[in-house]
Amino acid sequence: MPLLQKIEENDCQIAIWDMSESLDSLIRSSISLELSKFKTEKRKKEFLASRLLLNELLPNASISYNKYGAPEIGNNHFISISHSKNLAAIIISKNKVGLDIEIISGKPLRLASKFISKDSHNPLSKEKATLIWCCKEAVFKWHQK
């Protein structure tokens, strides 16, 4: 099972899944109908990995989406989901949460002027730009309704 890491801290749980395995190895018959709504193999793998991670942290829970597109699991818990390349991660807590994972790349650095003030982004490494991007995305997800 490609569960890379499971972290428990205070009342939060985080799990990270390695999605480099084949799509066939991720598919479970009970959700194959749900997969038909996704066109790409990448999106199908993201969907499956997030459900498998949820099962690792909170068995028997299921994910639904509110009218704003944010994931929900009920049971007095909050959830946030993120994907990047071959990684998927979720965080579950009894408090509102936001999570973003990104593989370090030049993309956040190229977009830095759109989310970092001019005074703050010179000089900026791709590592720092990616970290700031992740923070921005996590706060955005935390703030969603």
Foldseek 3Di string as FASTA:
>chain_A
DQFPDWDDDDFKIKTKGFQPDDLVVLDDVVCPVVLVVDDDSVVSSQVSVVVVVCCVVPNPWDWDADPVRAIQGDPLKEKEWEDEDRMIMMMIGNAQWFFYDYDQDCVLVVCVVVPPPPVPPVPHDSVRSRVVVGVVRGVVSSPDD
